Structures are given as C-alpha cells and as structure tokens.
Protein backbone atom coordinates (compact mmCIF):
# COMPACT_ATOMS: atom_id res chain seq x y z
CA MET A 1 10.45 5.57 12.57
CA ALA A 2 12.65 4.68 9.47
CA ILE A 3 11.67 4.83 6.19
CA LYS A 4 12.51 1.40 4.52
CA SER A 5 12.81 0.17 0.61
CA LEU A 6 10.77 -2.59 -0.47
CA SER A 7 11.13 -4.13 -3.93
CA ILE A 8 8.06 -5.91 -5.43
CA ARG A 9 7.65 -8.05 -8.62
CA ILE A 10 4.59 -6.90 -10.47
CA ASP A 11 3.00 -7.27 -13.84
CA GLU A 12 2.88 -4.63 -16.51
CA GLU A 13 -0.83 -4.43 -16.72
CA LEU A 14 -1.34 -4.47 -12.71
CA LEU A 15 1.55 -1.93 -12.58
CA HIS A 16 -0.37 0.20 -15.47
CA LYS A 17 -4.05 -0.26 -13.58
CA LEU A 18 -2.53 0.99 -10.54
CA HIS A 19 -0.70 4.21 -12.02
CA ILE A 20 -4.48 4.87 -13.46
CA VAL A 21 -5.88 4.25 -10.12
CA ALA A 22 -3.05 6.49 -8.19
CA ASP A 23 -3.20 8.94 -10.92
CA TYR A 24 -7.13 9.20 -10.78
CA GLU A 25 -6.43 9.52 -6.53
CA GLY A 26 -4.21 12.36 -7.30
CA ARG A 27 -1.34 10.28 -5.75
CA SER A 28 2.37 8.43 -7.02
CA ALA A 29 1.89 4.69 -7.13
CA ASN A 30 4.31 4.86 -4.37
CA SER A 31 1.76 7.00 -1.88
CA GLN A 32 -1.01 4.79 -3.50
CA ILE A 33 0.16 1.57 -2.51
CA LEU A 34 1.36 2.68 1.04
CA ILE A 35 -1.96 3.64 1.77
CA LEU A 36 -3.44 0.23 0.33
CA ILE A 37 -1.08 -1.39 2.90
CA ARG A 38 -2.24 0.75 5.61
CA ASN A 39 -5.81 0.05 4.58
CA ALA A 40 -4.91 -3.64 4.73
CA VAL A 41 -3.60 -3.29 8.05
CA ALA A 42 -6.30 -1.39 9.84
CA ASP A 43 -8.86 -3.80 8.50
CA TYR A 44 -6.90 -6.77 9.72
CA GLU A 45 -6.34 -4.85 13.24
CA ALA A 46 -10.30 -4.39 13.39
CA LYS A 47 -10.91 -7.67 13.03
CA ASN A 48 -7.69 -9.88 14.81
CA GLY A 49 -6.78 -6.77 17.66
CA LYS A 50 -3.54 -4.41 17.63
CA ILE A 51 -0.53 -5.59 16.30
CA GLU A 52 2.27 -4.74 19.02
CA TRP A 53 5.40 -4.06 17.23
CA GLN A 54 8.48 -3.44 19.61
C-alpha cells in the first residue's frame, strides 16, 4: 500500500486542541488524525457495509 500525503486547512485553535489531545494520548498530531480517520471509516462500514476499493 502506498502512503499518500494530504494537506488540510485547519484553524489555529482547533490545531492547538488537536495537539493537546494527541499529546495526552502519547501520539503525534499526524498519528492522532489517522486514528480519527480510521475510526470514522470503521463506524461508517459498521453501519453501511464494507467499502470496496479496487
């Protein structure tokens, strides 16, 4: 699986809060975002079925 890069726009306050949460969890902000995305996809798939890719 290739690793892709994604740029997002995020306001300063929300970014600061993200860093606080990530630090609390012992993660980088990037790792925290990946976990949040994985959880969102898992929740979606639990409700709507597996997302097929390729």
